[in-house]
Amino acid sequence: IPATFVMLEMMPLTPNGKIDRKSLPAPDSVRPEPTGNFVAPRNPVEEALATVWCDVLGLEKVGAEDNFFELGGHSLLATQLISRLRETFKMEIPLRCLFESPTIGKLSQSMVGYEAKPGVLERTSKILNKLSRMTPEEMEQALRKRRPANAQV
């Protein structure tokens, strides 16, 4: 089943009368129509997960109760998402975890069970959220403050 549909008055055609696939418009990267009300991420972990989900799904925003698969996610994107989460949070998360907990709210609760040390997930999320709100100039300034004056880049 296609994840998105784009309505056209007529299909673009090549001079030979075949569908010109290169001229087809790309689907919008807006959030698909939700089945319920939008629930914003409620804590730092959900906020960090939402950022990763947006990147993987190519969406502008996702809610804490949105289902990954209803937003256009599929098994290949699920593998990419879990890989990104493992890399980002430095923790082993089984792929089945996403299939069993397909919303940000449920997944964040499940991930707590995979923490090596309690609280690391939330601390990491707070740092990631702070970094995602910084401009490149603010990041550079923060790095300069942390580097010793004689350190080489």
C-alpha atoms as a PDB file:
ATOM      1  CA  ILE A   1       0.000   0.000   0.000  1.00  0.00           C
ATOM      2  CA  PRO A   2       1.522   3.342  -0.930  1.00  0.00           C
ATOM      3  CA  ALA A   3       2.489   5.547   2.016  1.00  0.00           C
ATOM      4  CA  THR A   4       1.297   8.713   0.290  1.00  0.00           C
ATOM      5  CA  PHE A   5      -0.859   9.713  -2.650  1.00  0.00           C
ATOM      6  CA  VAL A   6      -0.436  12.780  -4.840  1.00  0.00           C
ATOM      7  CA  MET A   7      -3.532  13.913  -6.712  1.00  0.00           C
ATOM      8  CA  LEU A   8      -2.928  15.061 -10.300  1.00  0.00           C
ATOM      9  CA  GLU A   9      -5.308  16.391 -12.912  1.00  0.00           C
ATOM     10  CA  MET A  10      -3.474  14.301 -15.484  1.00  0.00           C
ATOM     11  CA  MET A  11      -0.332  12.197 -15.657  1.00  0.00           C
ATOM     12  CA  PRO A  12       2.719  13.802 -17.311  1.00  0.00           C
ATOM     13  CA  LEU A  13       3.546  12.001 -20.530  1.00  0.00           C
ATOM     14  CA  THR A  14       6.669  11.602 -22.639  1.00  0.00           C
ATOM     15  CA  PRO A  15       6.536  12.420 -26.390  1.00  0.00           C
ATOM     16  CA  ASN A  16       5.932   8.669 -26.919  1.00  0.00           C
ATOM     17  CA  GLY A  17       2.770   8.785 -24.770  1.00  0.00           C
ATOM     18  CA  LYS A  18       4.234   6.900 -21.808  1.00  0.00           C
ATOM     19  CA  ILE A  19       4.137   8.178 -18.213  1.00  0.00           C
ATOM     20  CA  ASP A  20       7.030  10.584 -17.644  1.00  0.00           C
ATOM     21  CA  ARG A  21       8.151   9.388 -14.204  1.00  0.00           C
ATOM     22  CA  LYS A  22      10.833  12.088 -13.951  1.00  0.00           C
ATOM     23  CA  SER A  23       8.149  14.786 -14.196  1.00  0.00           C
ATOM     24  CA  LEU A  24       5.982  13.341 -11.424  1.00  0.00           C
ATOM     25  CA  PRO A  25       5.860  15.672  -8.417  1.00  0.00           C
ATOM     26  CA  ALA A  26       7.449  14.494  -5.187  1.00  0.00           C
ATOM     27  CA  PRO A  27       5.046  13.896  -2.324  1.00  0.00           C
ATOM     28  CA  ASP A  28       4.950  16.633   0.294  1.00  0.00           C
ATOM     29  CA  SER A  29       7.039  16.042   3.397  1.00  0.00           C
ATOM     30  CA  VAL A  30       4.211  17.144   5.621  1.00  0.00           C
ATOM     31  CA  ARG A  31       2.782  14.964   8.309  1.00  0.00           C
ATOM     32  CA  PRO A  32       0.105  12.573   7.005  1.00  0.00           C
ATOM     33  CA  GLU A  33      -3.390  13.199   8.327  1.00  0.00           C
ATOM     34  CA  PRO A  34      -3.444  11.834  11.869  1.00  0.00           C
ATOM     35  CA  THR A  35      -6.119   9.398  12.948  1.00  0.00           C
ATOM     36  CA  GLY A  36      -6.459  11.224  16.286  1.00  0.00           C
ATOM     37  CA  ASN A  37      -5.346  14.454  17.917  1.00  0.00           C
ATOM     38  CA  PHE A  38      -1.703  15.481  17.703  1.00  0.00           C
ATOM     39  CA  VAL A  39       0.114  14.810  20.988  1.00  0.00           C
ATOM     40  CA  ALA A  40       3.412  16.680  21.230  1.00  0.00           C
ATOM     41  CA  PRO A  41       6.416  14.899  22.757  1.00  0.00           C
ATOM     42  CA  ARG A  42       5.992  15.048  26.537  1.00  0.00           C
ATOM     43  CA  ASN A  43       9.536  14.629  27.826  1.00  0.00           C
ATOM     44  CA  PRO A  44      13.160  14.924  26.645  1.00  0.00           C
ATOM     45  CA  VAL A  45      13.365  11.303  25.469  1.00  0.00           C
ATOM     46  CA  GLU A  46      10.219  11.605  23.355  1.00  0.00           C
ATOM     47  CA  GLU A  47      11.470  14.902  21.944  1.00  0.00           C
ATOM     48  CA  ALA A  48      14.800  13.344  20.912  1.00  0.00           C
ATOM     49  CA  LEU A  49      13.030  10.325  19.398  1.00  0.00           C
ATOM     50  CA  ALA A  50      10.701  12.624  17.446  1.00  0.00           C
ATOM     51  CA  THR A  51      13.714  14.369  15.902  1.00  0.00           C
ATOM     52  CA  VAL A  52      15.179  11.046  14.727  1.00  0.00           C
ATOM     53  CA  TRP A  53      11.788   9.856  13.438  1.00  0.00           C
ATOM     54  CA  CYS A  54      11.371  13.072  11.423  1.00  0.00           C
ATOM     55  CA  ASP A  55      14.786  12.571   9.832  1.00  0.00           C
ATOM     56  CA  VAL A  56      14.150   8.922   8.962  1.00  0.00           C
ATOM     57  CA  LEU A  57      10.576   9.418   7.745  1.00  0.00           C
ATOM     58  CA  GLY A  58      11.263  12.745   6.000  1.00  0.00           C
ATOM     59  CA  LEU A  59       8.532  14.541   7.939  1.00  0.00           C
ATOM     60  CA  GLU A  60       8.406  17.960   9.573  1.00  0.00           C
ATOM     61  CA  LYS A  61       6.865  16.779  12.845  1.00  0.00           C
ATOM     62  CA  VAL A  62       5.578  13.646  14.522  1.00  0.00           C
ATOM     63  CA  GLY A  63       3.564  13.206  17.673  1.00  0.00           C
ATOM     64  CA  ALA A  64       4.155  11.019  20.688  1.00  0.00           C
ATOM     65  CA  GLU A  65       1.147   8.833  19.833  1.00  0.00           C
ATOM     66  CA  ASP A  66       1.696   8.590  16.057  1.00  0.00           C
ATOM     67  CA  ASN A  67       2.326   5.086  14.762  1.00  0.00           C
ATOM     68  CA  PHE A  68       5.623   4.712  12.856  1.00  0.00           C
ATOM     69  CA  PHE A  69       4.057   2.423  10.260  1.00  0.00           C
ATOM     70  CA  GLU A  70       0.982   4.593   9.727  1.00  0.00           C
ATOM     71  CA  LEU A  71       3.309   7.545   9.026  1.00  0.00           C
ATOM     72  CA  GLY A  72       4.833   5.684   6.087  1.00  0.00           C
ATOM     73  CA  GLY A  73       7.406   3.603   7.933  1.00  0.00           C
ATOM     74  CA  HIS A  74       8.178   0.117   6.640  1.00  0.00           C
ATOM     75  CA  SER A  75      10.653  -2.636   7.479  1.00  0.00           C
ATOM     76  CA  LEU A  76      13.626  -0.987   5.742  1.00  0.00           C
ATOM     77  CA  LEU A  77      12.974   2.359   7.430  1.00  0.00           C
ATOM     78  CA  ALA A  78      12.464   0.502  10.723  1.00  0.00           C
ATOM     79  CA  THR A  79      15.955  -0.980  10.342  1.00  0.00           C
ATOM     80  CA  GLN A  80      17.385   2.484   9.591  1.00  0.00           C
ATOM     81  CA  LEU A  81      15.579   3.982  12.575  1.00  0.00           C
ATOM     82  CA  ILE A  82      16.823   1.338  15.011  1.00  0.00           C
ATOM     83  CA  SER A  83      20.349   1.720  13.630  1.00  0.00           C
ATOM     84  CA  ARG A  84      20.187   5.508  14.179  1.00  0.00           C
ATOM     85  CA  LEU A  85      18.839   5.035  17.706  1.00  0.00           C
ATOM     86  CA  ARG A  86      21.606   2.547  18.554  1.00  0.00           C
ATOM     87  CA  GLU A  87      24.227   4.969  17.244  1.00  0.00           C
ATOM     88  CA  THR A  88      22.672   8.035  18.865  1.00  0.00           C
ATOM     89  CA  PHE A  89      21.983   6.570  22.301  1.00  0.00           C
ATOM     90  CA  LYS A  90      24.835   4.017  22.380  1.00  0.00           C
ATOM     91  CA  MET A  91      22.515   1.214  23.437  1.00  0.00           C
ATOM     92  CA  GLU A  92      21.410  -2.105  21.964  1.00  0.00           C
ATOM     93  CA  ILE A  93      17.772  -1.927  20.929  1.00  0.00           C
ATOM     94  CA  PRO A  94      16.301  -4.957  19.146  1.00  0.00           C
ATOM     95  CA  LEU A  95      14.367  -4.311  15.938  1.00  0.00           C
ATOM     96  CA  ARG A  96      11.349  -6.121  17.362  1.00  0.00           C
ATOM     97  CA  CYS A  97      11.115  -3.341  19.957  1.00  0.00           C
ATOM     98  CA  LEU A  98       9.811  -0.934  17.275  1.00  0.00           C
ATOM     99  CA  PHE A  99       7.269  -3.471  16.020  1.00  0.00           C
ATOM    100  CA  GLU A 100       6.039  -4.069  19.581  1.00  0.00           C
ATOM    101  CA  SER A 101       6.128  -0.345  20.502  1.00  0.00           C
ATOM    102  CA  PRO A 102       5.409   1.562  17.265  1.00  0.00           C
ATOM    103  CA  THR A 103       4.728   4.966  18.854  1.00  0.00           C
ATOM    104  CA  ILE A 104       7.262   7.390  20.290  1.00  0.00           C
ATOM    105  CA  GLY A 105       5.586   7.188  23.689  1.00  0.00           C
ATOM    106  CA  LYS A 106       5.705   3.400  23.865  1.00  0.00           C
ATOM    107  CA  LEU A 107       9.167   3.145  22.323  1.00  0.00           C
ATOM    108  CA  SER A 108      10.650   5.607  24.822  1.00  0.00           C
ATOM    109  CA  GLN A 109       9.249   3.491  27.672  1.00  0.00           C
ATOM    110  CA  SER A 110      10.657   0.320  26.114  1.00  0.00           C
ATOM    111  CA  MET A 111      14.088   1.887  25.616  1.00  0.00           C
ATOM    112  CA  VAL A 112      14.370   2.610  29.346  1.00  0.00           C
ATOM    113  CA  GLY A 113      14.514  -1.162  29.846  1.00  0.00           C
ATOM    114  CA  TYR A 114      17.625  -1.379  27.632  1.00  0.00           C
ATOM    115  CA  GLU A 115      19.659   1.256  29.490  1.00  0.00           C
ATOM    116  CA  ALA A 116      22.988   0.045  30.853  1.00  0.00           C
ATOM    117  CA  LYS A 117      22.810   2.729  33.564  1.00  0.00           C
ATOM    118  CA  PRO A 118      19.520   4.284  34.684  1.00  0.00           C
ATOM    119  CA  GLY A 119      19.110   7.914  33.620  1.00  0.00           C
ATOM    120  CA  VAL A 120      21.594   7.879  30.731  1.00  0.00           C
ATOM    121  CA  LEU A 121      18.819   7.880  28.117  1.00  0.00           C
ATOM    122  CA  GLU A 122      17.226  10.996  29.580  1.00  0.00           C
ATOM    123  CA  ARG A 123      20.556  12.842  30.019  1.00  0.00           C
ATOM    124  CA  THR A 124      21.602  12.010  26.459  1.00  0.00           C
ATOM    125  CA  SER A 125      18.200  13.170  25.189  1.00  0.00           C
ATOM    126  CA  LYS A 126      18.506  16.502  26.985  1.00  0.00           C
ATOM    127  CA  ILE A 127      21.915  17.114  25.399  1.00  0.00           C
ATOM    128  CA  LEU A 128      20.663  16.136  21.926  1.00  0.00           C
ATOM    129  CA  ASN A 129      17.622  18.394  22.254  1.00  0.00           C
ATOM    130  CA  LYS A 130      19.781  21.315  23.345  1.00  0.00           C
ATOM    131  CA  LEU A 131      22.146  20.747  20.404  1.00  0.00           C
ATOM    132  CA  SER A 132      19.293  20.493  17.905  1.00  0.00           C
ATOM    133  CA  ARG A 133      18.063  23.959  18.938  1.00  0.00           C
ATOM    134  CA  MET A 134      21.495  25.600  18.573  1.00  0.00           C
ATOM    135  CA  THR A 135      22.564  27.549  15.517  1.00  0.00           C
ATOM    136  CA  PRO A 136      25.945  26.684  13.949  1.00  0.00           C
ATOM    137  CA  GLU A 137      27.360  29.882  15.483  1.00  0.00           C
ATOM    138  CA  GLU A 138      26.143  28.907  18.950  1.00  0.00           C
ATOM    139  CA  MET A 139      27.697  25.445  18.545  1.00  0.00           C
ATOM    140  CA  GLU A 140      31.025  26.946  17.525  1.00  0.00           C
ATOM    141  CA  GLN A 141      30.928  29.316  20.489  1.00  0.00           C
ATOM    142  CA  ALA A 142      30.138  26.450  22.889  1.00  0.00           C
ATOM    143  CA  LEU A 143      33.010  24.396  21.452  1.00  0.00           C
ATOM    144  CA  ARG A 144      35.421  27.298  21.866  1.00  0.00           C
ATOM    145  CA  LYS A 145      34.489  27.560  25.543  1.00  0.00           C
ATOM    146  CA  ARG A 146      35.183  23.853  26.076  1.00  0.00           C
ATOM    147  CA  ARG A 147      38.518  23.737  24.196  1.00  0.00           C
ATOM    148  CA  PRO A 148      41.677  24.679  26.045  1.00  0.00           C
ATOM    149  CA  ALA A 149      43.329  27.792  24.580  1.00  0.00           C
ATOM    150  CA  ASN A 150      46.380  25.842  23.323  1.00  0.00           C
ATOM    151  CA  ALA A 151      44.446  22.875  21.856  1.00  0.00           C
ATOM    152  CA  GLN A 152      44.817  22.196  18.141  1.00  0.00           C
ATOM    153  CA  VAL A 153      41.859  21.267  15.974  1.00  0.00           C
END
